[in-house]
N, C-alpha and C. Protein backbone atom coordinates (compact mmCIF):
# COMPACT_ATOMS: atom_id res chain seq x y z
N MET A 1 -42.36 -23.77 -1.26
CA MET A 1 -42.54 -22.91 -0.11
C MET A 1 -43.20 -21.38 -0.54
N ASN A 2 -43.94 -21.34 -0.46
CA ASN A 2 -44.43 -20.12 -0.59
C ASN A 2 -43.75 -18.63 -0.12
N LEU A 3 -43.45 -17.31 -0.90
CA LEU A 3 -42.69 -17.18 -0.14
C LEU A 3 -43.88 -15.99 1.13
N ALA A 4 -45.17 -15.92 0.53
CA ALA A 4 -46.08 -15.13 1.07
C ALA A 4 -46.11 -15.45 2.91
N THR A 5 -45.83 -17.56 3.05
CA THR A 5 -46.25 -17.63 4.30
C THR A 5 -45.28 -17.73 5.17
N ALA A 6 -45.37 -17.80 6.09
CA ALA A 6 -44.23 -17.58 7.50
C ALA A 6 -43.36 -18.77 6.98
N ALA A 7 -41.77 -18.85 7.63
CA ALA A 7 -41.16 -19.95 7.27
C ALA A 7 -41.55 -20.88 8.90
N THR A 8 -41.18 -22.23 8.38
CA THR A 8 -41.28 -23.17 9.42
C THR A 8 -40.16 -23.32 10.28
N PRO A 9 -40.54 -23.94 11.23
CA PRO A 9 -39.00 -23.97 11.83
C PRO A 9 -38.03 -24.94 11.74
N LEU A 10 -36.93 -24.62 11.50
CA LEU A 10 -35.67 -25.63 10.94
C LEU A 10 -36.08 -26.84 12.18
N GLU A 11 -35.53 -27.96 12.17
CA GLU A 11 -35.83 -29.22 12.83
C GLU A 11 -34.54 -29.76 13.46
N ARG A 12 -33.92 -28.59 13.56
CA ARG A 12 -32.37 -28.99 14.57
C ARG A 12 -32.13 -27.66 14.98
N SER A 13 -31.35 -28.06 16.37
CA SER A 13 -30.67 -26.57 16.51
C SER A 13 -29.55 -26.80 15.90
N PHE A 14 -28.86 -25.55 15.86
CA PHE A 14 -27.45 -25.40 15.84
C PHE A 14 -26.37 -24.72 17.01
N PRO A 15 -25.31 -25.24 17.40
CA PRO A 15 -24.48 -25.00 18.58
C PRO A 15 -24.22 -23.39 18.21
N GLY A 16 -24.29 -22.60 18.97
CA GLY A 16 -23.75 -21.15 19.14
C GLY A 16 -24.68 -20.08 17.97
N ILE A 17 -25.90 -20.80 17.14
CA ILE A 17 -26.29 -20.13 16.23
C ILE A 17 -28.20 -19.97 16.68
N ALA A 18 -28.53 -18.87 16.76
CA ALA A 18 -30.00 -18.68 16.82
C ALA A 18 -30.44 -18.57 15.35
N VAL A 19 -31.74 -19.46 15.11
CA VAL A 19 -32.39 -19.22 13.92
C VAL A 19 -33.66 -18.73 14.03
N VAL A 20 -34.50 -17.62 13.55
CA VAL A 20 -35.47 -17.11 13.81
C VAL A 20 -36.25 -16.95 12.50
N PRO A 21 -37.34 -17.69 12.50
CA PRO A 21 -38.07 -17.70 10.97
C PRO A 21 -38.89 -16.15 10.96
N LEU A 22 -38.39 -15.42 10.02
CA LEU A 22 -39.03 -14.31 9.32
C LEU A 22 -40.32 -14.35 8.71
N ALA A 23 -41.80 -13.49 8.80
CA ALA A 23 -42.65 -13.29 8.03
C ALA A 23 -42.80 -13.88 6.48
N ASN A 24 -41.66 -13.51 5.81
CA ASN A 24 -41.34 -13.50 4.29
C ASN A 24 -41.01 -15.13 3.79
N GLY A 25 -41.12 -16.03 4.97
CA GLY A 25 -40.63 -17.30 4.36
C GLY A 25 -38.83 -17.31 4.22
N SER A 26 -38.56 -16.44 4.99
CA SER A 26 -37.09 -16.61 5.22
C SER A 26 -36.63 -16.71 6.79
N TRP A 27 -35.13 -17.04 7.11
CA TRP A 27 -35.13 -17.27 8.46
C TRP A 27 -33.50 -16.39 8.63
N ARG A 28 -33.50 -15.64 9.86
CA ARG A 28 -32.69 -14.57 10.32
C ARG A 28 -31.44 -15.62 10.99
N VAL A 29 -30.15 -15.58 10.88
CA VAL A 29 -29.54 -16.65 11.41
C VAL A 29 -28.52 -15.39 11.84
N THR A 30 -28.13 -15.57 13.66
CA THR A 30 -27.42 -14.78 14.38
C THR A 30 -26.56 -15.47 15.32
N ARG A 31 -25.43 -15.39 16.12
CA ARG A 31 -24.84 -15.41 16.98
C ARG A 31 -25.86 -15.82 18.53
N ARG A 32 -25.56 -16.24 19.23
CA ARG A 32 -26.05 -16.39 20.44
C ARG A 32 -26.14 -15.24 21.33
N ASP A 33 -25.34 -14.20 20.94
CA ASP A 33 -25.29 -12.69 21.52
C ASP A 33 -25.73 -11.71 21.17
N GLY A 34 -26.65 -11.93 19.75
CA GLY A 34 -27.22 -11.02 18.83
C GLY A 34 -26.65 -10.64 17.62
N VAL A 35 -25.45 -11.06 17.40
CA VAL A 35 -24.69 -10.23 15.99
C VAL A 35 -25.53 -11.07 14.77
N LEU A 36 -25.52 -10.57 14.06
CA LEU A 36 -26.19 -11.07 12.90
C LEU A 36 -25.39 -11.41 11.86
N VAL A 37 -25.86 -12.79 11.40
CA VAL A 37 -24.95 -13.57 10.77
C VAL A 37 -25.04 -13.67 9.32
N GLY A 38 -26.36 -13.62 8.75
CA GLY A 38 -26.71 -13.78 7.86
C GLY A 38 -28.26 -13.93 7.80
N ASN A 39 -28.84 -14.30 6.31
CA ASN A 39 -30.27 -14.61 6.31
C ASN A 39 -30.20 -16.21 5.58
N VAL A 40 -31.34 -16.76 5.55
CA VAL A 40 -31.66 -18.03 4.55
C VAL A 40 -32.94 -17.96 3.83
N GLU A 41 -32.93 -17.98 2.79
CA GLU A 41 -34.39 -17.78 1.83
C GLU A 41 -34.53 -18.73 1.05
N PRO A 42 -35.74 -19.16 0.76
CA PRO A 42 -36.40 -20.26 -0.28
C PRO A 42 -36.26 -19.32 -1.62
N VAL A 43 -35.62 -20.45 -2.46
CA VAL A 43 -35.90 -19.70 -4.05
C VAL A 43 -36.69 -21.25 -4.49
N GLY A 44 -36.93 -20.88 -5.86
CA GLY A 44 -37.61 -22.40 -6.16
C GLY A 44 -37.80 -22.02 -7.52
N ASP A 45 -37.31 -23.03 -8.80
CA ASP A 45 -37.54 -23.18 -10.01
C ASP A 45 -37.91 -24.39 -10.58
N GLU A 46 -38.13 -24.59 -11.94
CA GLU A 46 -38.42 -26.14 -12.05
C GLU A 46 -37.41 -27.07 -12.00
N ALA A 47 -36.37 -26.65 -10.99
CA ALA A 47 -35.18 -27.79 -10.68
C ALA A 47 -35.75 -28.35 -9.20
N GLY A 48 -36.68 -27.37 -8.19
CA GLY A 48 -37.11 -27.70 -7.27
C GLY A 48 -36.53 -26.51 -6.31
N GLN A 49 -37.28 -26.96 -4.79
CA GLN A 49 -36.59 -25.85 -3.94
C GLN A 49 -35.21 -25.97 -3.68
N ARG A 50 -34.72 -24.83 -3.36
CA ARG A 50 -33.31 -24.84 -2.73
C ARG A 50 -33.60 -23.53 -1.57
N TYR A 51 -32.36 -22.95 -0.97
CA TYR A 51 -32.67 -22.34 -0.04
C TYR A 51 -30.96 -21.48 -0.39
N ARG A 52 -31.10 -20.00 -0.44
CA ARG A 52 -29.96 -19.30 -0.46
C ARG A 52 -29.55 -18.68 0.86
N ALA A 53 -28.07 -18.98 1.05
CA ALA A 53 -27.65 -18.58 2.10
C ALA A 53 -26.86 -16.77 1.66
N LYS A 54 -27.07 -15.97 2.51
CA LYS A 54 -26.59 -14.56 2.28
C LYS A 54 -25.59 -14.28 3.70
N ARG A 55 -24.85 -13.96 3.52
CA ARG A 55 -23.81 -13.26 4.64
C ARG A 55 -24.22 -11.72 4.83
N PHE A 56 -24.13 -11.42 6.06
CA PHE A 56 -24.19 -10.16 6.76
C PHE A 56 -23.01 -9.45 6.38
N THR A 57 -22.70 -8.26 5.63
CA THR A 57 -21.13 -7.89 5.62
C THR A 57 -21.36 -6.52 6.62
N PRO A 58 -20.80 -6.42 7.72
CA PRO A 58 -20.75 -4.97 8.28
C PRO A 58 -20.14 -3.76 7.77
N ARG A 59 -19.07 -4.15 7.00
CA ARG A 59 -18.55 -3.00 6.35
C ARG A 59 -19.61 -2.48 4.98
N ASP A 60 -19.87 -3.32 4.59
CA ASP A 60 -21.16 -3.05 3.21
C ASP A 60 -22.49 -2.66 3.74
N ARG A 61 -22.72 -2.92 5.10
CA ARG A 61 -24.13 -2.81 5.51
C ARG A 61 -25.08 -3.61 4.40
N GLY A 62 -25.02 -4.80 4.17
CA GLY A 62 -25.72 -5.59 3.16
C GLY A 62 -25.50 -7.33 3.58
N PHE A 63 -26.19 -7.68 2.33
CA PHE A 63 -26.13 -9.23 2.38
C PHE A 63 -25.07 -9.76 0.99
N ARG A 64 -24.28 -10.50 1.29
CA ARG A 64 -23.63 -11.03 0.03
C ARG A 64 -23.95 -12.84 0.11
N PRO A 65 -24.20 -12.95 -1.57
CA PRO A 65 -24.75 -14.25 -1.02
C PRO A 65 -23.92 -15.07 -1.29
N ILE A 66 -23.58 -16.65 -0.58
CA ILE A 66 -22.96 -17.40 -0.44
C ILE A 66 -22.85 -18.40 -1.04
N GLY A 67 -24.42 -19.01 -1.75
CA GLY A 67 -24.38 -20.08 -2.38
C GLY A 67 -26.22 -20.41 -1.97
N GLU A 68 -26.17 -21.52 -2.82
CA GLU A 68 -27.52 -22.23 -2.40
C GLU A 68 -27.35 -23.44 -2.02
N PHE A 69 -28.43 -24.14 -1.53
CA PHE A 69 -28.37 -25.85 -0.90
C PHE A 69 -30.01 -26.00 -1.18
N TRP A 70 -29.63 -27.66 -1.13
CA TRP A 70 -31.09 -28.43 -0.69
C TRP A 70 -31.66 -28.20 0.34
N THR A 71 -31.16 -28.06 1.55
CA THR A 71 -32.16 -27.86 2.65
C THR A 71 -31.56 -26.66 3.71
N PRO A 72 -32.69 -25.76 4.17
CA PRO A 72 -31.90 -24.50 4.88
C PRO A 72 -31.30 -25.16 6.00
N ALA A 73 -30.86 -26.42 6.60
CA ALA A 73 -29.80 -26.53 7.57
C ALA A 73 -28.97 -26.72 6.73
N GLU A 74 -28.55 -26.74 5.35
CA GLU A 74 -26.82 -27.10 4.94
C GLU A 74 -26.78 -25.42 4.83
N ALA A 75 -28.09 -24.44 4.93
CA ALA A 75 -27.77 -22.89 4.42
C ALA A 75 -27.16 -22.34 5.52
N VAL A 76 -27.70 -22.87 6.71
CA VAL A 76 -26.77 -22.46 7.97
C VAL A 76 -26.10 -22.74 8.56
N ASP A 77 -25.42 -24.02 8.02
CA ASP A 77 -24.37 -24.30 8.06
C ASP A 77 -23.27 -23.90 7.34
N ALA A 78 -23.59 -23.52 6.14
CA ALA A 78 -22.48 -22.83 5.56
C ALA A 78 -22.19 -21.48 5.99
N LEU A 79 -23.33 -20.43 6.67
CA LEU A 79 -23.18 -19.80 7.81
C LEU A 79 -22.19 -19.40 8.63
N ARG A 80 -23.10 -20.73 9.36
CA ARG A 80 -21.89 -21.05 10.83
C ARG A 80 -20.11 -21.36 10.28
N PHE A 81 -19.50 -21.96 9.47
CA PHE A 81 -18.56 -22.66 9.38
C PHE A 81 -18.24 -21.86 8.14
N GLY A 82 -18.28 -20.79 7.51
CA GLY A 82 -18.44 -20.20 6.35
C GLY A 82 -16.98 -19.02 6.61
């Protein structure tokens, strides 16, 4: 996935979570009440395309990486259940 293009919509919905594609090719993950949970961004190298989940931490007012996954849905699930 080219980071310069918009993210494609995820092919499934997530209970209690809203996933919004961003212009830079990543997704914003929020609870249904609008509270930011984190971001999912595509990363790639010679091993193939992966998706990095980053959790928003209000105390630090920033994002902390929690892992890289083979699909964006797995990355969203890590934010949901982590």
